[in-house]
């Protein structure tokens, strides 16, 4: 048994509550179970109880065995001085306060439905793609849909946190922050970090000073990326090399390690050279990309903003000095545009809604996800095989978040779907912290 299971049992009131008494026979009346506290300190705060004839307000601490109080050294921590009830599965030793007074203890052994714990143990120990695989199909669509709504918001809140940190780093310059987000997502998963580094060492204000000349923007990007060959073999590469040398001295730039870029097993359209040239096309002549993106009325307008193409030089190659014939993917593809909207525009718009406390703006961010098709990747194919098929990018983002932050971490007790499965009634009670699972 794990302590978080006891948290769940207490929080969801999944234990027999008739004739509650402490281990020394005092009657317990629970008026308020308290607020679950995930950080350091007692597990539930602001609880209200009546123990015997005395009413108490304070904290509740939970352990599998009472002796864990001493194992965790709570007896030496003043944060636990205000604990009014010790809830345990089994009281193997009495626990006393620093004053020598015995801490009231409620033992849950014999009060937890056996079926509830057996299901939870199966979730933890059976090797499946998701812990509740099989029973998940019995959960009503209504429960699934509500939970996926929660997952969308939770995922966007999580994505908003690094944006808030980035805003501080960039002195609240939204255009600079958006430029960095775009750079990361032009790199996709494989070259996300190199593109992130490139944007950090090449501030947007330098791009802006050279925005009207495509060759200058490409010279800055390719030069800072350290991808321009040391010995250029064609006219355009020599032009970039010369222009970068001038701009590097002018702005005091320092390039990154060229070895950072990943090129193996990539389609030509995803080569860093192609993505950098497309990124240059997006930046050319632009001063206020974020203003345009945040003011878009829908994803159709957003896709038009990201309809950027490679320069003429890259229309028949994806490596410097190496023509290979006509490249068909000169512009960003539809799926790439959608990923950029999902991972750049939507999180930043949601962050702005949080910052301004504008619920309408947050809803508009989620609305953009609703307009886009569901993504397709390995994790989402697993969900589809399990009969859970996202209808739009909002639900596909929700399922990605659910798998990574709940299923993979076995947080079934905090999941509405897992909770529904675990909530089946069972009158038998648990008398052992780790009972054997029934045979299947």
Protein backbone atom coordinates (compact mmCIF):
# COMPACT_ATOMS: atom_id res chain seq x y z
CA UNK A 1 0.00 0.00 0.00
CA UNK A 2 1.16 3.52 -0.72
CA UNK A 3 0.46 6.63 1.28
CA UNK A 4 -1.14 8.37 -1.70
CA UNK A 5 -3.81 5.64 -1.66
CA UNK A 6 -4.72 6.68 1.87
CA UNK A 7 -4.84 10.31 0.72
CA UNK A 8 -7.32 9.25 -1.95
CA UNK A 9 -9.44 7.21 0.48
CA UNK A 10 -9.65 10.15 2.90
CA UNK A 11 -10.16 12.83 0.24
CA UNK A 12 -12.89 10.88 -1.57
CA UNK A 13 -14.42 9.51 1.65
CA UNK A 14 -13.99 5.92 0.44
CA UNK A 15 -13.91 4.27 3.86
CA UNK A 16 -16.48 3.09 6.37
CA UNK A 17 -17.41 6.12 8.48
CA UNK A 18 -19.86 4.58 10.91
CA UNK A 19 -18.83 4.50 14.57
CA UNK A 20 -15.50 6.23 13.99
CA UNK A 21 -13.27 6.05 17.05
CA UNK A 22 -9.66 6.67 17.87
CA UNK A 23 -7.51 3.69 18.76
CA UNK A 24 -8.11 4.48 22.46
CA UNK A 25 -11.90 4.57 22.03
CA UNK A 26 -12.74 8.28 21.68
CA UNK A 27 -15.57 9.04 19.25
CA UNK A 28 -14.63 10.99 16.11
CA UNK A 29 -16.96 13.27 14.20
CA UNK A 30 -15.53 14.69 10.97
CA UNK A 31 -16.97 18.13 10.20
CA UNK A 32 -14.42 19.07 7.51
CA UNK A 33 -11.89 16.69 5.97
CA UNK A 34 -9.50 19.57 5.25
CA UNK A 35 -7.69 20.73 2.15
CA UNK A 36 -5.27 18.33 0.46
CA UNK A 37 -1.74 19.75 0.66
CA UNK A 38 0.75 18.45 -1.92
CA UNK A 39 3.83 20.33 -0.67
CA UNK A 40 5.95 19.84 2.44
CA UNK A 41 3.99 19.67 5.68
CA UNK A 42 0.90 17.81 6.91
CA UNK A 43 -1.23 16.13 4.24
CA UNK A 44 -4.56 17.85 4.95
CA UNK A 45 -4.87 21.35 6.35
CA UNK A 46 -7.73 23.29 7.92
CA UNK A 47 -9.61 20.17 8.98
CA UNK A 48 -12.35 20.40 11.64
CA UNK A 49 -13.06 17.44 13.92
CA UNK A 50 -14.77 16.60 17.15
CA UNK A 51 -12.82 14.05 19.17
CA UNK A 52 -14.59 13.02 22.33
CA UNK A 53 -16.11 16.18 23.74
CA UNK A 54 -13.54 18.55 22.22
CA UNK A 55 -13.75 20.30 18.86
CA UNK A 56 -10.48 20.74 17.01
CA UNK A 57 -9.30 22.76 13.99
CA UNK A 58 -5.96 21.92 12.46
CA UNK A 59 -4.09 19.44 10.30
CA UNK A 60 -4.42 15.74 9.51
CA UNK A 61 -1.36 13.61 8.75
CA UNK A 62 -1.52 10.18 7.09
CA UNK A 63 0.79 7.13 7.08
CA UNK A 64 0.53 3.46 6.22
CA UNK A 65 1.97 2.60 9.62
CA UNK A 66 1.92 4.85 12.66
CA UNK A 67 5.66 4.31 13.15
CA UNK A 68 6.26 6.21 9.88
CA UNK A 69 5.70 9.35 11.98
CA UNK A 70 9.07 8.69 13.57
CA UNK A 71 10.67 7.33 10.38
CA UNK A 72 9.83 10.63 8.66
CA UNK A 73 11.05 12.56 11.72
CA UNK A 74 7.83 14.48 12.16
CA UNK A 75 8.46 14.40 15.90
CA UNK A 76 11.36 16.83 15.27
CA UNK A 77 9.46 19.12 12.86
CA UNK A 78 7.45 22.03 14.30
CA UNK A 79 5.30 22.05 11.14
CA UNK A 80 3.56 18.98 12.59
CA UNK A 81 2.82 20.44 16.00
CA UNK A 82 -0.69 21.41 14.83
CA UNK A 83 -1.69 17.89 13.72
CA UNK A 84 -5.01 17.06 15.40
CA UNK A 85 -5.48 13.53 13.98
CA UNK A 86 -3.09 10.85 12.78
CA UNK A 87 -4.83 8.68 10.16
CA UNK A 88 -3.07 5.37 9.49
CA UNK A 89 -3.81 2.02 7.96
CA UNK A 90 -2.35 0.31 10.99
CA UNK A 91 -1.24 1.65 14.36
CA UNK A 92 1.83 -0.47 15.06
CA UNK A 93 3.10 1.92 17.76
CA UNK A 94 1.46 4.78 19.68
CA UNK A 95 2.63 8.26 18.65
CA UNK A 96 3.09 10.98 21.22
CA UNK A 97 3.49 14.73 20.91
CA UNK A 98 6.56 16.53 22.25
CA UNK A 99 4.54 17.20 25.41
CA UNK A 100 4.21 13.44 25.99
CA UNK A 101 0.47 13.53 25.18
CA UNK A 102 -0.74 10.73 22.88
CA UNK A 103 -1.68 11.91 19.38
CA UNK A 104 -5.26 10.88 18.48
CA UNK A 105 -5.12 8.14 15.86
CA UNK A 106 -7.73 6.76 13.46
CA UNK A 107 -6.95 3.28 12.09
CA UNK A 108 -8.43 2.53 8.64
CA UNK A 109 -7.71 -1.22 8.66
CA UNK A 110 -10.99 -3.01 8.10
CA UNK A 111 -12.70 0.14 6.78
CA UNK A 112 -11.43 0.27 3.16
CA UNK A 113 -13.34 -1.73 0.49
CA UNK A 114 -11.20 -4.64 -0.66
CA UNK A 115 -12.21 -4.25 -4.30
CA UNK A 116 -11.05 -0.63 -4.29
CA UNK A 117 -7.52 -1.53 -3.22
CA UNK A 118 -7.29 -4.58 -5.49
CA UNK A 119 -8.13 -2.45 -8.53
CA UNK A 120 -5.54 0.12 -7.53
CA UNK A 121 -2.88 -2.58 -7.09
CA UNK A 122 -3.69 -3.92 -10.55
CA UNK A 123 -3.20 -0.45 -11.98
CA UNK A 124 0.23 -0.27 -10.36
CA UNK A 125 1.55 -3.73 -11.18
CA UNK A 126 0.08 -4.94 -14.46
CA UNK A 127 2.13 -3.99 -17.50
CA UNK A 128 -0.29 -2.22 -19.83
CA UNK A 129 -0.16 0.76 -22.15
CA UNK A 130 -2.28 2.70 -19.68
CA UNK A 131 -2.89 1.43 -16.13
CA UNK A 132 -6.68 1.17 -16.54
CA UNK A 133 -6.58 -0.47 -19.98
CA UNK A 134 -9.78 -2.48 -20.44
CA UNK A 135 -11.97 -0.96 -17.71
CA UNK A 136 -11.40 2.46 -19.30
CA UNK A 137 -13.92 1.50 -22.00
CA UNK A 138 -16.63 1.20 -19.35
CA UNK A 139 -16.27 4.84 -18.29
CA UNK A 140 -19.09 7.02 -19.75
CA UNK A 141 -18.22 9.43 -22.55
CA UNK A 142 -19.49 12.27 -20.36
CA UNK A 143 -16.79 11.56 -17.76
CA UNK A 144 -14.11 11.26 -20.45
CA UNK A 145 -15.09 14.51 -22.13
CA UNK A 146 -15.17 16.50 -18.90
CA UNK A 147 -11.78 15.12 -17.88
CA UNK A 148 -10.24 15.89 -21.27
CA UNK A 149 -11.50 19.47 -20.91
CA UNK A 150 -9.63 19.63 -17.62
CA UNK A 151 -6.52 18.16 -19.25
CA UNK A 152 -6.53 20.81 -22.01
CA UNK A 153 -6.56 23.63 -19.47
CA UNK A 154 -3.97 21.91 -17.29
CA UNK A 155 -1.64 21.37 -20.25
CA UNK A 156 -1.90 25.00 -21.33
CA UNK A 157 -1.33 26.21 -17.77
CA UNK A 158 1.80 24.06 -17.68
CA UNK A 159 3.00 25.46 -21.01
CA UNK A 160 2.31 29.00 -19.79
CA UNK A 161 4.80 28.73 -16.89
CA UNK A 162 8.00 28.79 -18.99
CA UNK A 163 6.49 31.62 -21.07
CA UNK A 164 6.05 33.66 -17.90
CA UNK A 165 9.72 33.02 -17.03
CA UNK A 166 10.75 33.93 -20.57
CA UNK A 167 8.82 37.20 -20.34
CA UNK A 168 10.93 38.19 -17.33
CA UNK A 169 14.10 37.21 -19.15
CA UNK A 170 13.08 39.28 -22.19
CA UNK A 171 11.99 42.35 -20.19
CA UNK A 172 8.32 41.77 -21.06
CA UNK A 173 8.97 42.06 -24.81
CA UNK A 174 6.18 39.88 -26.22
CA UNK A 175 7.58 40.00 -29.74
CA UNK A 176 10.96 38.70 -28.55
CA UNK A 177 9.29 35.92 -26.56
CA UNK A 178 7.14 34.90 -29.51
CA UNK A 179 10.21 34.96 -31.78
CA UNK A 180 11.94 32.51 -29.44
CA UNK A 181 8.91 30.24 -29.23
CA UNK A 182 8.62 30.19 -33.00
CA UNK A 183 12.29 29.39 -33.40
CA UNK A 184 11.98 26.39 -31.06
CA UNK A 185 9.00 25.04 -32.97
CA UNK A 186 10.56 25.58 -36.38
CA UNK A 187 13.18 23.13 -35.13
CA UNK A 188 10.44 20.60 -34.34
CA UNK A 189 11.31 17.86 -31.83
CA UNK A 190 14.71 16.95 -33.31
CA UNK A 191 16.25 20.44 -33.53
CA UNK A 192 14.20 22.16 -30.83
CA UNK A 193 17.20 22.90 -28.58
CA UNK A 194 19.58 24.15 -31.31
CA UNK A 195 16.89 26.50 -32.60
CA UNK A 196 16.20 27.68 -29.06
CA UNK A 197 19.90 28.47 -28.61
CA UNK A 198 20.05 30.20 -31.99
CA UNK A 199 17.24 32.58 -31.02
CA UNK A 200 18.92 33.35 -27.69
CA UNK A 201 22.22 34.38 -29.30
CA UNK A 202 20.51 36.31 -32.11
CA UNK A 203 18.04 38.76 -30.53
CA UNK A 204 15.04 39.88 -32.54
CA UNK A 205 16.13 43.52 -32.47
CA UNK A 206 19.12 42.63 -34.67
CA UNK A 207 16.84 40.82 -37.12
CA UNK A 208 14.57 43.88 -37.16
CA UNK A 209 17.45 46.15 -38.16
CA UNK A 210 17.99 43.96 -41.23
CA UNK A 211 14.39 42.90 -41.85
CA UNK A 212 14.10 44.23 -45.41
CA UNK A 213 16.98 42.23 -46.86
CA UNK A 214 16.48 38.45 -47.07
CA UNK A 215 20.17 37.72 -47.61
CA UNK A 216 21.07 39.64 -44.42
CA UNK A 217 18.54 37.69 -42.35
CA UNK A 218 19.79 34.37 -43.75
CA UNK A 219 23.41 35.46 -43.21
CA UNK A 220 22.64 36.20 -39.55
CA UNK A 221 20.71 32.98 -38.97
CA UNK A 222 23.03 30.62 -40.84
CA UNK A 223 26.11 32.41 -39.49
CA UNK A 224 24.98 32.27 -35.86
CA UNK A 225 23.98 28.63 -36.44
CA UNK A 226 27.56 28.03 -37.65
CA UNK A 227 26.30 26.30 -40.79
CA UNK A 228 28.00 28.44 -43.46
CA UNK A 229 30.90 26.43 -44.97
CA UNK A 230 34.38 27.76 -44.22
CA UNK A 231 35.25 27.52 -47.93
CA UNK A 232 32.14 28.51 -49.93
CA UNK A 233 31.89 26.99 -53.40
CA UNK A 234 29.08 29.04 -54.93
CA UNK A 235 28.20 32.70 -55.20
CA UNK A 236 25.31 32.76 -52.72
CA UNK A 237 27.28 30.96 -50.01
CA UNK A 238 30.17 33.40 -50.51
CA UNK A 239 27.71 36.30 -50.22
CA UNK A 240 26.33 34.92 -46.93
CA UNK A 241 29.85 34.35 -45.60
CA UNK A 242 30.95 37.91 -46.41
CA UNK A 243 27.76 39.48 -45.08
CA UNK A 244 27.87 37.48 -41.88
CA UNK A 245 31.51 38.47 -41.26
CA UNK A 246 30.48 42.13 -41.51
CA UNK A 247 27.36 41.76 -39.34
CA UNK A 248 29.16 39.64 -36.76
CA UNK A 249 31.70 42.41 -36.16
CA UNK A 250 29.04 45.11 -36.30
CA UNK A 251 26.88 43.54 -33.58
CA UNK A 252 29.58 41.70 -31.62
CA UNK A 253 28.04 38.29 -32.26
CA UNK A 254 29.34 34.87 -31.25
CA UNK A 255 28.12 31.81 -33.18
CA UNK A 256 27.03 28.49 -31.68
CA UNK A 257 28.57 25.05 -32.23
CA UNK A 258 27.61 23.79 -35.67
CA UNK A 259 27.71 20.21 -34.39
CA UNK A 260 24.54 20.87 -32.34
CA UNK A 261 22.33 20.43 -35.41
CA UNK A 262 20.76 17.02 -36.08
CA UNK A 263 20.58 15.94 -39.72
CA UNK A 264 20.53 12.14 -39.70
CA UNK A 265 17.30 10.32 -40.63
CA UNK A 266 15.50 13.57 -41.44
CA UNK A 267 13.32 14.19 -44.46
CA UNK A 268 14.79 16.98 -46.65
CA UNK A 269 11.91 19.27 -45.67
CA UNK A 270 12.95 18.99 -42.01
CA UNK A 271 16.66 19.69 -42.53
CA UNK A 272 17.82 22.61 -40.36
CA UNK A 273 18.95 24.51 -43.46
CA UNK A 274 15.45 24.36 -44.96
CA UNK A 275 13.79 25.32 -41.67
CA UNK A 276 16.19 28.24 -41.16
CA UNK A 277 15.52 29.58 -44.65
CA UNK A 278 11.75 29.30 -44.07
CA UNK A 279 12.16 31.04 -40.71
CA UNK A 280 14.04 33.84 -42.47
CA UNK A 281 11.14 34.13 -44.89
CA UNK A 282 8.73 34.51 -41.98
CA UNK A 283 10.86 37.22 -40.36
CA UNK A 284 11.51 39.22 -43.52
CA UNK A 285 9.77 42.59 -43.37
CA UNK A 286 8.01 41.73 -40.10
CA UNK A 287 8.03 43.90 -36.97
CA UNK A 288 4.99 42.67 -35.10
CA UNK A 289 4.44 38.95 -35.63
CA UNK A 290 2.84 38.49 -32.22
CA UNK A 291 0.44 41.37 -32.78
CA UNK A 292 -0.64 39.76 -36.05
CA UNK A 293 -0.93 36.26 -34.58
CA UNK A 294 -2.77 37.30 -31.41
CA UNK A 295 -5.21 39.36 -33.46
CA UNK A 296 -6.05 36.53 -35.87
CA UNK A 297 -9.73 35.65 -36.03
CA UNK A 298 -9.13 31.96 -36.67
CA UNK A 299 -6.62 29.31 -37.65
CA UNK A 300 -7.12 29.99 -41.36
CA UNK A 301 -5.71 33.47 -40.87
CA UNK A 302 -2.91 32.09 -38.70
CA UNK A 303 -1.92 29.62 -41.41
CA UNK A 304 -1.66 32.48 -43.88
CA UNK A 305 0.80 34.22 -41.55
CA UNK A 306 2.97 31.10 -41.53
CA UNK A 307 2.90 30.56 -45.30
CA UNK A 308 6.64 31.18 -45.58
CA UNK A 309 8.93 29.61 -48.18
CA UNK A 310 12.63 29.00 -48.66
CA UNK A 311 14.72 31.50 -50.63
CA UNK A 312 15.60 30.80 -54.26
CA UNK A 313 18.95 29.20 -53.35
CA UNK A 314 17.23 26.46 -51.32
CA UNK A 315 14.69 25.52 -53.97
CA UNK A 316 16.97 22.85 -55.38
CA UNK A 317 19.08 21.77 -52.39
CA UNK A 318 19.01 21.14 -48.66
CA UNK A 319 22.77 21.33 -48.03
CA UNK A 320 25.15 24.15 -48.93
CA UNK A 321 27.00 23.72 -52.27
CA UNK A 322 25.06 20.53 -53.11
CA UNK A 323 22.24 20.90 -55.68
CA UNK A 324 19.98 17.82 -55.75
CA UNK A 325 17.15 18.83 -58.07
CA UNK A 326 13.90 20.61 -57.33
CA UNK A 327 12.74 20.52 -53.68
CA UNK A 328 8.98 20.06 -53.54
CA UNK A 329 8.51 21.23 -49.93
CA UNK A 330 9.45 24.89 -50.39
CA UNK A 331 6.79 26.17 -48.00
CA UNK A 332 5.82 25.05 -44.54
CA UNK A 333 3.41 22.14 -44.85
CA UNK A 334 -0.08 22.22 -43.37
CA UNK A 335 0.82 19.84 -40.54
CA UNK A 336 3.89 21.93 -39.65
CA UNK A 337 1.82 25.12 -39.59
CA UNK A 338 -0.67 23.44 -37.28
CA UNK A 339 2.07 22.25 -34.93
CA UNK A 340 3.48 25.79 -34.77
CA UNK A 341 0.02 27.15 -33.96
CA UNK A 342 -0.50 24.45 -31.30
CA UNK A 343 2.91 24.89 -29.66
CA UNK A 344 3.59 28.61 -30.14
CA UNK A 345 0.46 30.69 -30.71
CA UNK A 346 -1.98 28.83 -28.45
CA UNK A 347 0.24 28.62 -25.32
CA UNK A 348 1.27 32.27 -25.57
CA UNK A 349 -2.30 33.45 -26.10
CA UNK A 350 -3.37 31.34 -23.12
CA UNK A 351 -0.53 32.81 -21.03
CA UNK A 352 -1.63 36.32 -22.00
CA UNK A 353 -5.17 35.46 -20.94
CA UNK A 354 -3.85 34.25 -17.57
CA UNK A 355 -1.69 37.34 -17.14
CA UNK A 356 -4.53 39.72 -18.01
CA UNK A 357 -7.11 37.56 -16.17
CA UNK A 358 -9.05 37.48 -19.42
CA UNK A 359 -11.09 34.28 -19.59
CA UNK A 360 -12.26 35.16 -23.11
CA UNK A 361 -8.67 35.18 -24.36
CA UNK A 362 -8.01 31.79 -22.76
CA UNK A 363 -11.16 30.41 -24.39
CA UNK A 364 -10.02 31.81 -27.75
CA UNK A 365 -6.71 29.95 -27.37
CA UNK A 366 -8.59 26.70 -26.73
CA UNK A 367 -10.91 27.58 -29.61
CA UNK A 368 -7.93 27.59 -31.98
CA UNK A 369 -7.20 24.01 -30.89
CA UNK A 370 -10.81 23.08 -31.61
CA UNK A 371 -10.42 24.30 -35.19
CA UNK A 372 -7.39 22.10 -35.90
CA UNK A 373 -7.32 18.40 -36.71
CA UNK A 374 -6.14 15.98 -34.06
CA UNK A 375 -2.41 15.32 -34.21
CA UNK A 376 -0.97 11.97 -35.17
CA UNK A 377 2.00 10.47 -33.32
CA UNK A 378 3.00 7.29 -31.56
CA UNK A 379 1.25 8.12 -28.28
CA UNK A 380 -1.98 9.14 -29.97
CA UNK A 381 -1.94 5.96 -32.05
CA UNK A 382 -1.86 4.02 -28.76
CA UNK A 383 -4.96 5.90 -27.59
CA UNK A 384 -6.70 5.18 -30.88
CA UNK A 385 -5.90 1.47 -30.55
CA UNK A 386 -7.46 1.65 -27.10
CA UNK A 387 -10.65 3.09 -28.58
CA UNK A 388 -10.08 6.68 -27.45
CA UNK A 389 -10.08 8.79 -30.62
CA UNK A 390 -9.51 12.55 -30.35
CA UNK A 391 -11.83 14.65 -32.49
CA UNK A 392 -9.59 17.74 -32.66
CA UNK A 393 -6.22 19.13 -31.58
CA UNK A 394 -7.69 20.10 -28.22
CA UNK A 395 -8.43 16.49 -27.36
CA UNK A 396 -5.16 15.21 -28.83
CA UNK A 397 -3.26 17.68 -26.62
CA UNK A 398 -5.36 16.54 -23.66
CA UNK A 399 -4.53 12.88 -24.31
CA UNK A 400 -0.82 13.61 -24.63
CA UNK A 401 -0.94 15.37 -21.26
CA UNK A 402 -2.99 12.59 -19.66
CA UNK A 403 -0.56 9.88 -20.82
CA UNK A 404 2.60 11.72 -19.76
CA UNK A 405 1.53 13.26 -16.47
CA UNK A 406 -1.06 10.78 -15.18
CA UNK A 407 -0.85 7.34 -16.83
CA UNK A 408 2.94 7.14 -16.96
CA UNK A 409 3.19 8.33 -13.35
CA UNK A 410 0.33 6.07 -12.13
CA UNK A 411 -1.65 9.04 -10.84
CA UNK A 412 -4.85 7.06 -11.22
CA UNK A 413 -6.14 8.35 -7.91
CA UNK A 414 -6.03 11.92 -9.24
CA UNK A 415 -7.66 11.05 -12.58
CA UNK A 416 -11.44 11.26 -13.11
CA UNK A 417 -11.35 8.15 -15.32
CA UNK A 418 -9.33 6.15 -12.80
CA UNK A 419 -11.50 7.47 -10.00
CA UNK A 420 -14.65 6.30 -11.77
CA UNK A 421 -13.22 2.79 -12.21
CA UNK A 422 -12.00 2.61 -8.63
CA UNK A 423 -15.34 3.77 -7.25
CA UNK A 424 -17.24 0.52 -7.87
CA UNK A 425 -18.97 -0.59 -4.68
CA UNK A 426 -17.51 -3.45 -2.68
CA UNK A 427 -18.69 -4.37 0.81
CA UNK A 428 -15.62 -6.45 1.78
CA UNK A 429 -13.05 -4.57 3.85
CA UNK A 430 -9.24 -4.59 3.70
CA UNK A 431 -7.43 -5.94 6.75
CA UNK A 432 -3.94 -6.16 5.25
CA UNK A 433 -1.88 -3.29 3.78
CA UNK A 434 -0.96 -5.37 0.71
CA UNK A 435 -3.50 -8.17 0.17
CA UNK A 436 -2.85 -10.70 -2.61
CA UNK A 437 -4.59 -9.89 -5.87
CA UNK A 438 -7.44 -12.23 -6.77
CA UNK A 439 -6.68 -14.63 -9.60
CA UNK A 440 -7.89 -13.53 -13.01
